[in-house]
Amino acid sequence: MAMRIEVIDTDDSTTPQARAYAEYRLFATLARHTRLIRSVRVVLAHAERNGSADCVTCAVNLMLESGSARARARGPHAHGAIDRAAERIGDLMARRALQSLSS
């Protein structure tokens, strides 16, 4: 079964390019863990930062064969937030893989 990645934009302000980048980046990060992952949900949202400046939040939620995993990151633009969240969820999945090998 192929890993399904759903990208949600909470305020319809993310460009189609950023949505496609999120899908690509998360697939590239998680491809080696495909057998453990049922679905991936990426939520992009614009938010105020320190009460004035705009930033983008990227939340990644994985539904796994056993349980779930989450990562969240912020950045000044969508690509930065996506990169940070992808790195965090990739690190989390790598740690889970190491734990399962050692147990």
Protein backbone atom coordinates (compact mmCIF):
# COMPACT_ATOMS: atom_id res chain seq x y z
CA MET A 1 0.00 0.00 0.00
CA ALA A 2 1.37 3.41 -0.99
CA MET A 3 1.92 6.09 1.62
CA ARG A 4 -0.80 8.72 1.30
CA ILE A 5 0.19 12.34 1.98
CA GLU A 6 -2.54 14.92 2.53
CA VAL A 7 -1.57 18.61 2.57
CA ILE A 8 -4.08 20.96 4.21
CA ASP A 9 -3.89 24.74 4.08
CA THR A 10 -5.98 26.16 6.91
CA ASP A 11 -6.34 29.64 5.44
CA ASP A 12 -6.04 29.07 1.67
CA SER A 13 -2.97 31.30 1.44
CA THR A 14 -0.34 28.68 0.60
CA THR A 15 0.76 28.57 -3.03
CA PRO A 16 0.30 25.41 -5.10
CA GLN A 17 4.10 25.22 -5.33
CA ALA A 18 4.45 25.19 -1.53
CA ARG A 19 1.79 22.48 -1.26
CA ALA A 20 3.58 20.37 -3.88
CA TYR A 21 6.90 20.98 -2.10
CA ALA A 22 5.41 19.77 1.20
CA GLU A 23 4.21 16.58 -0.45
CA TYR A 24 7.59 16.00 -2.13
CA ARG A 25 9.67 16.84 0.96
CA LEU A 26 7.69 14.60 3.30
CA PHE A 27 7.69 11.72 0.83
CA ALA A 28 11.47 12.00 0.38
CA THR A 29 11.99 12.13 4.15
CA LEU A 30 9.67 9.26 5.02
CA ALA A 31 10.12 6.91 2.03
CA ARG A 32 12.33 4.47 3.94
CA HIS A 33 9.65 4.11 6.64
CA THR A 34 6.75 3.45 4.23
CA ARG A 35 5.93 0.03 5.67
CA LEU A 36 5.24 1.59 9.08
CA ILE A 37 3.14 4.55 7.88
CA ARG A 38 -0.55 4.43 6.99
CA SER A 39 -1.03 8.13 6.23
CA VAL A 40 0.65 11.52 6.50
CA ARG A 41 -1.21 14.75 7.15
CA VAL A 42 0.59 18.05 6.70
CA VAL A 43 -1.16 21.18 7.97
CA LEU A 44 0.14 24.58 6.87
CA ALA A 45 -1.08 27.72 8.60
CA HIS A 46 -0.07 31.35 8.76
CA ALA A 47 0.30 32.79 12.24
CA GLU A 48 1.47 35.90 13.99
CA ARG A 49 4.87 35.72 15.56
CA ASN A 50 5.68 37.90 18.54
CA GLY A 51 2.42 39.73 17.97
CA SER A 52 3.36 41.32 14.65
CA ALA A 53 5.40 39.49 12.01
CA ASP A 54 3.84 36.78 9.89
CA CYS A 55 5.21 33.25 9.90
CA VAL A 56 4.12 29.83 8.69
CA THR A 57 3.51 26.80 10.90
CA CYS A 58 3.86 23.29 9.49
CA ALA A 59 2.45 20.41 11.53
CA VAL A 60 3.08 16.83 10.39
CA ASN A 61 0.90 14.03 11.77
CA LEU A 62 1.66 10.39 10.96
CA MET A 63 -0.76 7.54 11.46
CA LEU A 64 1.45 4.51 11.93
CA GLU A 65 0.68 0.82 11.86
CA SER A 66 1.11 1.04 15.61
CA GLY A 67 0.38 4.47 17.07
CA SER A 68 1.14 7.91 15.72
CA ALA A 69 3.91 10.50 15.53
CA ARG A 70 3.87 14.29 15.31
CA ALA A 71 6.24 17.12 14.55
CA ARG A 72 5.69 20.85 14.29
CA ALA A 73 7.86 23.74 13.10
CA ARG A 74 7.67 27.43 12.24
CA GLY A 75 9.46 29.46 9.66
CA PRO A 76 9.33 32.86 8.01
CA HIS A 77 7.94 31.20 4.87
CA ALA A 78 6.30 27.88 3.96
CA HIS A 79 9.42 26.17 2.59
CA GLY A 80 11.41 26.85 5.75
CA ALA A 81 8.64 25.55 8.01
CA ILE A 82 8.20 22.46 5.82
CA ASP A 83 11.94 21.73 5.86
CA ARG A 84 12.15 22.03 9.64
CA ALA A 85 9.08 19.86 10.25
CA ALA A 86 10.31 17.24 7.75
CA GLU A 87 13.68 17.12 9.49
CA ARG A 88 12.04 16.71 12.90
CA ILE A 89 9.66 13.94 11.82
CA GLY A 90 12.50 12.20 9.98
CA ASP A 91 14.65 12.27 13.12
CA LEU A 92 11.75 10.95 15.18
CA MET A 93 11.14 8.04 12.79
CA ALA A 94 14.86 7.23 12.70
CA ARG A 95 14.93 7.07 16.52
CA ARG A 96 11.87 4.80 16.50
CA ALA A 97 13.55 2.51 13.98
CA LEU A 98 16.68 2.31 16.15
CA GLN A 99 14.60 1.54 19.25
CA SER A 100 12.73 -1.25 17.50
CA LEU A 101 16.02 -2.78 16.29
CA SER A 102 17.53 -2.73 19.78
CA SER A 103 14.49 -4.28 21.48
